[in-house]
Amino acid sequence: MKGISKMPSLKEIKSIHSIGARSIPKVQRSSYLDLYVLEREKKKIENEIYALNKRKSTLGRQLDDINKRIGGLQKEAHQEQKIKTHRSVPTKPLKTMAVNY
C-alpha cells in the first residue's frame, strides 16, 4: 500500500448536489437561486485552485532546494571517501578510568 493519502476519499463520490438533482420540481423553483448557488461554488473552487497552485509552487521551490543540498552533500561525501583519512582511528590511546560500583 503506497499510502493513505493516495486512496480515493469521500470527496470524489458524486452527491445529489453535484449531479444537479433537486427535490423541488423545475417549474416551481427559481433559476436565480440555482445561479447564486453555482456562482458561490465556482468562486470557492477557483479560490481553492489558486491556493493549490500557490502551495505547489512553494513546494516545488523547497524540493529544488533540498535536491541541491542533497547533491552538494553527496559530492562532499564522495570527495571525503576519496581522501581515505582514518578519522575513526585515534592517534593516542584512549584514557580509561575504572568505575567501582
C-alpha atoms as a PDB file:
ATOM      1  CA  MET A   1       0.000   0.000   0.000  1.00  0.00           C
ATOM      2  CA  LYS A   2       1.523   3.304  -1.078  1.00  0.00           C
ATOM      3  CA  GLY A   3      -0.170   5.500   1.484  1.00  0.00           C
ATOM      4  CA  ILE A   4      -3.493   6.580   2.799  1.00  0.00           C
ATOM      5  CA  SER A   5      -3.239   9.963   1.079  1.00  0.00           C
ATOM      6  CA  LYS A   6      -3.354   8.275  -2.357  1.00  0.00           C
ATOM      7  CA  MET A   7      -6.562   6.368  -1.634  1.00  0.00           C
ATOM      8  CA  PRO A   8      -9.868   7.675  -3.010  1.00  0.00           C
ATOM      9  CA  SER A   9     -11.850   9.651  -0.462  1.00  0.00           C
ATOM     10  CA  LEU A  10     -15.419  10.792   0.053  1.00  0.00           C
ATOM     11  CA  LYS A  11     -14.731  13.988  -1.902  1.00  0.00           C
ATOM     12  CA  GLU A  12     -14.597  12.004  -5.157  1.00  0.00           C
ATOM     13  CA  ILE A  13     -18.069  10.476  -4.687  1.00  0.00           C
ATOM     14  CA  LYS A  14     -20.805  12.266  -6.600  1.00  0.00           C
ATOM     15  CA  SER A  15     -23.640  13.567  -4.483  1.00  0.00           C
ATOM     16  CA  ILE A  16     -27.171  14.626  -5.302  1.00  0.00           C
ATOM     17  CA  HIS A  17     -25.969  18.236  -5.309  1.00  0.00           C
ATOM     18  CA  SER A  18     -23.127  17.564  -7.761  1.00  0.00           C
ATOM     19  CA  ILE A  19     -25.365  15.802 -10.293  1.00  0.00           C
ATOM     20  CA  GLY A  20     -27.969  18.580 -10.143  1.00  0.00           C
ATOM     21  CA  ALA A  21     -30.907  16.655  -8.672  1.00  0.00           C
ATOM     22  CA  ARG A  22     -33.367  18.785  -6.671  1.00  0.00           C
ATOM     23  CA  SER A  23     -36.348  17.935  -4.510  1.00  0.00           C
ATOM     24  CA  ILE A  24     -38.398  20.858  -5.875  1.00  0.00           C
ATOM     25  CA  PRO A  25     -39.872  20.389  -9.348  1.00  0.00           C
ATOM     26  CA  LYS A  26     -38.223  22.507 -12.035  1.00  0.00           C
ATOM     27  CA  VAL A  27     -41.400  24.519 -12.658  1.00  0.00           C
ATOM     28  CA  GLN A  28     -41.643  25.687  -9.028  1.00  0.00           C
ATOM     29  CA  ARG A  29     -38.006  26.547  -8.301  1.00  0.00           C
ATOM     30  CA  SER A  30     -36.188  29.748  -9.084  1.00  0.00           C
ATOM     31  CA  SER A  31     -33.351  29.830 -11.605  1.00  0.00           C
ATOM     32  CA  TYR A  32     -31.813  32.710  -9.664  1.00  0.00           C
ATOM     33  CA  LEU A  33     -31.242  30.527  -6.638  1.00  0.00           C
ATOM     34  CA  ASP A  34     -29.507  27.891  -8.771  1.00  0.00           C
ATOM     35  CA  LEU A  35     -27.356  30.589 -10.388  1.00  0.00           C
ATOM     36  CA  TYR A  36     -26.425  32.006  -6.989  1.00  0.00           C
ATOM     37  CA  VAL A  37     -25.504  28.596  -5.563  1.00  0.00           C
ATOM     38  CA  LEU A  38     -23.452  27.667  -8.623  1.00  0.00           C
ATOM     39  CA  GLU A  39     -21.635  31.032  -8.633  1.00  0.00           C
ATOM     40  CA  ARG A  40     -20.681  30.595  -4.979  1.00  0.00           C
ATOM     41  CA  GLU A  41     -19.439  27.067  -5.638  1.00  0.00           C
ATOM     42  CA  LYS A  42     -17.491  28.292  -8.684  1.00  0.00           C
ATOM     43  CA  LYS A  43     -15.765  31.025  -6.639  1.00  0.00           C
ATOM     44  CA  LYS A  44     -14.965  28.545  -3.887  1.00  0.00           C
ATOM     45  CA  ILE A  45     -13.383  26.129  -6.362  1.00  0.00           C
ATOM     46  CA  GLU A  46     -11.421  28.940  -8.079  1.00  0.00           C
ATOM     47  CA  ASN A  47     -10.049  30.074  -4.710  1.00  0.00           C
ATOM     48  CA  GLU A  48      -9.104  26.504  -3.878  1.00  0.00           C
ATOM     49  CA  ILE A  49      -7.309  26.094  -7.224  1.00  0.00           C
ATOM     50  CA  TYR A  50      -5.415  29.345  -6.608  1.00  0.00           C
ATOM     51  CA  ALA A  51      -4.365  28.166  -3.144  1.00  0.00           C
ATOM     52  CA  LEU A  52      -3.280  24.777  -4.536  1.00  0.00           C
ATOM     53  CA  ASN A  53      -1.200  26.394  -7.295  1.00  0.00           C
ATOM     54  CA  LYS A  54       0.450  28.687  -4.759  1.00  0.00           C
ATOM     55  CA  ARG A  55       1.204  25.733  -2.480  1.00  0.00           C
ATOM     56  CA  LYS A  56       2.523  23.719  -5.448  1.00  0.00           C
ATOM     57  CA  SER A  57       4.974  26.463  -6.424  1.00  0.00           C
ATOM     58  CA  THR A  58       6.178  26.802  -2.830  1.00  0.00           C
ATOM     59  CA  LEU A  59       6.669  23.052  -2.516  1.00  0.00           C
ATOM     60  CA  GLY A  60       8.474  22.986  -5.866  1.00  0.00           C
ATOM     61  CA  ARG A  61      10.969  25.590  -4.655  1.00  0.00           C
ATOM     62  CA  GLN A  62      11.506  23.691  -1.408  1.00  0.00           C
ATOM     63  CA  LEU A  63      12.055  20.454  -3.325  1.00  0.00           C
ATOM     64  CA  ASP A  64      14.609  22.142  -5.587  1.00  0.00           C
ATOM     65  CA  ASP A  65      16.489  23.490  -2.551  1.00  0.00           C
ATOM     66  CA  ILE A  66      16.509  20.057  -0.912  1.00  0.00           C
ATOM     67  CA  ASN A  67      17.751  18.413  -4.116  1.00  0.00           C
ATOM     68  CA  LYS A  68      20.584  20.966  -4.340  1.00  0.00           C
ATOM     69  CA  ARG A  69      21.554  20.310  -0.725  1.00  0.00           C
ATOM     70  CA  ILE A  70      21.457  16.539  -1.272  1.00  0.00           C
ATOM     71  CA  GLY A  71      23.629  16.881  -4.369  1.00  0.00           C
ATOM     72  CA  GLY A  72      26.163  19.022  -2.508  1.00  0.00           C
ATOM     73  CA  LEU A  73      26.325  16.644   0.433  1.00  0.00           C
ATOM     74  CA  GLN A  74      26.678  13.610  -1.843  1.00  0.00           C
ATOM     75  CA  LYS A  75      29.528  15.302  -3.703  1.00  0.00           C
ATOM     76  CA  GLU A  76      31.162  16.209  -0.379  1.00  0.00           C
ATOM     77  CA  ALA A  77      30.800  12.662   0.947  1.00  0.00           C
ATOM     78  CA  HIS A  78      32.240  11.253  -2.282  1.00  0.00           C
ATOM     79  CA  GLN A  79      35.271  13.545  -2.039  1.00  0.00           C
ATOM     80  CA  GLU A  80      35.817  12.610   1.612  1.00  0.00           C
ATOM     81  CA  GLN A  81      35.718   8.954   0.650  1.00  0.00           C
ATOM     82  CA  LYS A  82      38.419   9.553  -1.987  1.00  0.00           C
ATOM     83  CA  ILE A  83      40.770  11.146   0.550  1.00  0.00           C
ATOM     84  CA  LYS A  84      40.678   7.999   2.714  1.00  0.00           C
ATOM     85  CA  THR A  85      41.561   9.588   6.021  1.00  0.00           C
ATOM     86  CA  HIS A  86      41.437   7.454   9.115  1.00  0.00           C
ATOM     87  CA  ARG A  87      39.439   9.728  11.345  1.00  0.00           C
ATOM     88  CA  SER A  88      37.928   6.860  13.283  1.00  0.00           C
ATOM     89  CA  VAL A  89      41.323   5.583  14.481  1.00  0.00           C
ATOM     90  CA  PRO A  90      42.627   7.798  17.303  1.00  0.00           C
ATOM     91  CA  THR A  91      46.315   8.739  17.226  1.00  0.00           C
ATOM     92  CA  LYS A  92      46.733   8.332  21.000  1.00  0.00           C
ATOM     93  CA  PRO A  93      45.295   5.517  23.051  1.00  0.00           C
ATOM     94  CA  LEU A  94      42.132   6.476  24.882  1.00  0.00           C
ATOM     95  CA  LYS A  95      42.371   7.213  28.568  1.00  0.00           C
ATOM     96  CA  THR A  96      40.382   4.777  30.637  1.00  0.00           C
ATOM     97  CA  MET A  97      39.093   5.084  34.130  1.00  0.00           C
ATOM     98  CA  ALA A  98      37.915   2.350  36.437  1.00  0.00           C
ATOM     99  CA  VAL A  99      34.397   2.707  37.770  1.00  0.00           C
ATOM    100  CA  ASN A 100      33.663   0.952  41.055  1.00  0.00           C
ATOM    101  CA  TYR A 101      30.067   0.025  41.874  1.00  0.00           C
END
